[in-house]
Amino acid sequence: MEENNPKPANPMSTLNGGEEITITKTDGSNEKVFVKQLPVKQYEKYLEAQADEAKMIALACDKTEEFCDTLTPDSHELLVTTIERMNESFFQRWYDRRTKRLERILPGAQEKILATLRTTSPKPLSSAA
């Protein structure tokens, strides 16, 4: 499989609000799926979905999380990389602005959140015995 290097969003994707791609399901059938360029009002949900690719696909493709169970691994990855390519640049700038506002209101908040995540996150697979 070729390396997945997300490219900037296609200007036509922006004009169309996303792009249609063809995916393959585990039963061998193909389906056209519209991948949305997410509006800012959905960025909080997109932020929550960063650790859950099924949620990310459901949000950006107007599908259920169970839809991901029907995808081949290559199609799953194609959807995720397409979602990230189309949304990453502006989402990152939105997140940076959001973080700066949070730090102005609650100095040290980001470090406290990261410390909490470090203590509550499951151990990495490489640490498992």
C-alpha atoms as a PDB file:
ATOM      1  CA  MET A   1       0.000   0.000   0.000  1.00  0.00           C
ATOM      2  CA  GLU A   2       1.328   3.437  -0.827  1.00  0.00           C
ATOM      3  CA  GLU A   3       2.245   5.902   1.907  1.00  0.00           C
ATOM      4  CA  ASN A   4      -0.581   8.170   3.065  1.00  0.00           C
ATOM      5  CA  ASN A   5       0.646  11.747   3.019  1.00  0.00           C
ATOM      6  CA  PRO A   6      -2.360  14.028   3.411  1.00  0.00           C
ATOM      7  CA  LYS A   7      -2.459  16.727   0.745  1.00  0.00           C
ATOM      8  CA  PRO A   8      -4.074  20.124   1.211  1.00  0.00           C
ATOM      9  CA  ALA A   9      -7.799  20.259   0.585  1.00  0.00           C
ATOM     10  CA  ASN A  10      -8.717  20.510  -3.073  1.00  0.00           C
ATOM     11  CA  PRO A  11     -10.251  23.963  -3.799  1.00  0.00           C
ATOM     12  CA  MET A  12     -13.161  22.201  -5.518  1.00  0.00           C
ATOM     13  CA  SER A  13     -13.778  20.218  -2.308  1.00  0.00           C
ATOM     14  CA  THR A  14     -14.172  23.509  -0.488  1.00  0.00           C
ATOM     15  CA  LEU A  15     -16.634  24.817  -3.077  1.00  0.00           C
ATOM     16  CA  ASN A  16     -18.608  21.561  -2.997  1.00  0.00           C
ATOM     17  CA  GLY A  17     -18.463  21.203   0.800  1.00  0.00           C
ATOM     18  CA  GLY A  18     -16.524  17.966   0.473  1.00  0.00           C
ATOM     19  CA  GLU A  19     -15.766  15.252  -2.040  1.00  0.00           C
ATOM     20  CA  GLU A  20     -17.184  11.944  -3.119  1.00  0.00           C
ATOM     21  CA  ILE A  21     -14.945   8.891  -2.984  1.00  0.00           C
ATOM     22  CA  THR A  22     -15.571   5.251  -3.757  1.00  0.00           C
ATOM     23  CA  ILE A  23     -14.954   2.772  -0.960  1.00  0.00           C
ATOM     24  CA  THR A  24     -14.979  -1.016  -0.896  1.00  0.00           C
ATOM     25  CA  LYS A  25     -16.862  -3.018   1.696  1.00  0.00           C
ATOM     26  CA  THR A  26     -15.764  -6.330   3.149  1.00  0.00           C
ATOM     27  CA  ASP A  27     -18.454  -8.078   1.076  1.00  0.00           C
ATOM     28  CA  GLY A  28     -16.708  -6.839  -2.090  1.00  0.00           C
ATOM     29  CA  SER A  29     -19.315  -4.237  -3.005  1.00  0.00           C
ATOM     30  CA  ASN A  30     -18.419  -0.617  -3.714  1.00  0.00           C
ATOM     31  CA  GLU A  31     -20.183   2.481  -2.438  1.00  0.00           C
ATOM     32  CA  LYS A  32     -19.791   6.169  -3.133  1.00  0.00           C
ATOM     33  CA  VAL A  33     -19.402   8.133   0.090  1.00  0.00           C
ATOM     34  CA  PHE A  34     -19.482  11.917   0.421  1.00  0.00           C
ATOM     35  CA  VAL A  35     -16.775  13.142   2.806  1.00  0.00           C
ATOM     36  CA  LYS A  36     -17.683  16.552   4.222  1.00  0.00           C
ATOM     37  CA  GLN A  37     -15.424  19.453   4.832  1.00  0.00           C
ATOM     38  CA  LEU A  38     -16.706  20.029   8.346  1.00  0.00           C
ATOM     39  CA  PRO A  39     -18.232  23.355   9.324  1.00  0.00           C
ATOM     40  CA  VAL A  40     -16.704  25.111  12.324  1.00  0.00           C
ATOM     41  CA  LYS A  41     -19.800  24.394  14.419  1.00  0.00           C
ATOM     42  CA  GLN A  42     -18.889  20.684  14.278  1.00  0.00           C
ATOM     43  CA  TYR A  43     -15.264  21.133  15.368  1.00  0.00           C
ATOM     44  CA  GLU A  44     -15.989  20.333  19.028  1.00  0.00           C
ATOM     45  CA  LYS A  45     -17.392  16.954  17.928  1.00  0.00           C
ATOM     46  CA  TYR A  46     -14.443  16.490  15.557  1.00  0.00           C
ATOM     47  CA  LEU A  47     -12.063  17.215  18.435  1.00  0.00           C
ATOM     48  CA  GLU A  48     -13.803  14.549  20.537  1.00  0.00           C
ATOM     49  CA  ALA A  49     -13.514  12.111  17.619  1.00  0.00           C
ATOM     50  CA  GLN A  50      -9.725  12.424  17.292  1.00  0.00           C
ATOM     51  CA  ALA A  51      -9.174   9.295  19.367  1.00  0.00           C
ATOM     52  CA  ASP A  52     -11.981   7.330  17.679  1.00  0.00           C
ATOM     53  CA  GLU A  53     -11.774   6.905  13.915  1.00  0.00           C
ATOM     54  CA  ALA A  54     -15.246   5.323  13.717  1.00  0.00           C
ATOM     55  CA  LYS A  55     -16.714   8.491  15.266  1.00  0.00           C
ATOM     56  CA  MET A  56     -14.624  10.612  12.907  1.00  0.00           C
ATOM     57  CA  ILE A  57     -15.925   8.751   9.847  1.00  0.00           C
ATOM     58  CA  ALA A  58     -19.507   8.825  11.139  1.00  0.00           C
ATOM     59  CA  LEU A  59     -19.324  12.594  11.677  1.00  0.00           C
ATOM     60  CA  ALA A  60     -17.656  13.514   8.382  1.00  0.00           C
ATOM     61  CA  CYS A  61     -19.589  11.069   6.195  1.00  0.00           C
ATOM     62  CA  ASP A  62     -23.055  11.178   7.783  1.00  0.00           C
ATOM     63  CA  LYS A  63     -22.814   7.452   8.519  1.00  0.00           C
ATOM     64  CA  THR A  64     -23.195   5.361  11.648  1.00  0.00           C
ATOM     65  CA  GLU A  65     -20.169   4.172  13.589  1.00  0.00           C
ATOM     66  CA  GLU A  66     -21.201   0.619  12.675  1.00  0.00           C
ATOM     67  CA  PHE A  67     -20.660   1.522   9.016  1.00  0.00           C
ATOM     68  CA  CYS A  68     -16.914   1.307   9.716  1.00  0.00           C
ATOM     69  CA  ASP A  69     -17.286  -2.402  10.477  1.00  0.00           C
ATOM     70  CA  THR A  70     -18.320  -2.958   6.852  1.00  0.00           C
ATOM     71  CA  LEU A  71     -15.202  -1.322   5.350  1.00  0.00           C
ATOM     72  CA  THR A  72     -12.058  -2.962   4.113  1.00  0.00           C
ATOM     73  CA  PRO A  73      -8.959  -1.734   5.976  1.00  0.00           C
ATOM     74  CA  ASP A  74      -7.811   0.200   2.883  1.00  0.00           C
ATOM     75  CA  SER A  75     -11.201   1.934   2.556  1.00  0.00           C
ATOM     76  CA  HIS A  76     -11.244   2.767   6.269  1.00  0.00           C
ATOM     77  CA  GLU A  77      -7.811   4.339   5.938  1.00  0.00           C
ATOM     78  CA  LEU A  78      -8.794   6.157   2.734  1.00  0.00           C
ATOM     79  CA  LEU A  79     -11.752   7.750   4.505  1.00  0.00           C
ATOM     80  CA  VAL A  80      -9.688   8.799   7.523  1.00  0.00           C
ATOM     81  CA  THR A  81      -6.876  10.305   5.427  1.00  0.00           C
ATOM     82  CA  THR A  82      -9.398  12.105   3.207  1.00  0.00           C
ATOM     83  CA  ILE A  83     -11.186  13.538   6.254  1.00  0.00           C
ATOM     84  CA  GLU A  84      -7.887  14.695   7.733  1.00  0.00           C
ATOM     85  CA  ARG A  85      -6.629  16.161   4.446  1.00  0.00           C
ATOM     86  CA  MET A  86      -9.795  18.157   3.945  1.00  0.00           C
ATOM     87  CA  ASN A  87     -10.149  19.399   7.519  1.00  0.00           C
ATOM     88  CA  GLU A  88      -6.693  19.455   9.104  1.00  0.00           C
ATOM     89  CA  SER A  89      -5.416  22.899   8.144  1.00  0.00           C
ATOM     90  CA  PHE A  90      -8.326  25.039   9.309  1.00  0.00           C
ATOM     91  CA  PHE A  91      -9.125  22.706  12.217  1.00  0.00           C
ATOM     92  CA  GLN A  92      -5.559  23.072  13.518  1.00  0.00           C
ATOM     93  CA  ARG A  93      -5.770  26.865  13.350  1.00  0.00           C
ATOM     94  CA  TRP A  94      -9.168  26.752  15.128  1.00  0.00           C
ATOM     95  CA  TYR A  95      -7.698  24.493  17.819  1.00  0.00           C
ATOM     96  CA  ASP A  96      -4.688  26.786  18.306  1.00  0.00           C
ATOM     97  CA  ARG A  97      -7.001  29.806  18.750  1.00  0.00           C
ATOM     98  CA  ARG A  98      -9.192  27.826  21.146  1.00  0.00           C
ATOM     99  CA  THR A  99      -6.177  26.774  23.216  1.00  0.00           C
ATOM    100  CA  LYS A 100      -4.860  30.358  23.419  1.00  0.00           C
ATOM    101  CA  ARG A 101      -8.268  31.594  24.611  1.00  0.00           C
ATOM    102  CA  LEU A 102      -8.405  28.854  27.229  1.00  0.00           C
ATOM    103  CA  GLU A 103      -4.916  29.779  28.474  1.00  0.00           C
ATOM    104  CA  ARG A 104      -5.936  33.449  28.748  1.00  0.00           C
ATOM    105  CA  ILE A 105      -8.961  32.519  30.855  1.00  0.00           C
ATOM    106  CA  LEU A 106      -7.353  29.686  32.856  1.00  0.00           C
ATOM    107  CA  PRO A 107      -3.550  29.975  32.849  1.00  0.00           C
ATOM    108  CA  GLY A 108      -1.934  26.540  32.984  1.00  0.00           C
ATOM    109  CA  ALA A 109      -5.134  24.766  31.925  1.00  0.00           C
ATOM    110  CA  GLN A 110      -3.565  22.994  28.978  1.00  0.00           C
ATOM    111  CA  GLU A 111      -0.803  21.476  31.112  1.00  0.00           C
ATOM    112  CA  LYS A 112      -3.343  20.378  33.727  1.00  0.00           C
ATOM    113  CA  ILE A 113      -5.459  18.710  31.036  1.00  0.00           C
ATOM    114  CA  LEU A 114      -2.404  16.937  29.610  1.00  0.00           C
ATOM    115  CA  ALA A 115      -1.349  15.770  33.078  1.00  0.00           C
ATOM    116  CA  THR A 116      -4.838  14.370  33.663  1.00  0.00           C
ATOM    117  CA  LEU A 117      -4.774  12.574  30.325  1.00  0.00           C
ATOM    118  CA  ARG A 118      -1.385  11.058  31.123  1.00  0.00           C
ATOM    119  CA  THR A 119      -2.678   9.607  34.397  1.00  0.00           C
ATOM    120  CA  THR A 120      -6.013   8.337  33.024  1.00  0.00           C
ATOM    121  CA  SER A 121      -4.948   7.043  29.603  1.00  0.00           C
ATOM    122  CA  PRO A 122      -4.438   3.306  29.144  1.00  0.00           C
ATOM    123  CA  LYS A 123      -0.857   2.096  29.014  1.00  0.00           C
ATOM    124  CA  PRO A 124       0.694   2.003  25.517  1.00  0.00           C
ATOM    125  CA  LEU A 125       0.724  -1.407  23.877  1.00  0.00           C
ATOM    126  CA  SER A 126       4.510  -1.549  24.098  1.00  0.00           C
ATOM    127  CA  SER A 127       4.255  -1.312  27.911  1.00  0.00           C
ATOM    128  CA  ALA A 128       1.797  -4.178  28.198  1.00  0.00           C
ATOM    129  CA  ALA A 129       3.175  -7.281  29.841  1.00  0.00           C
END
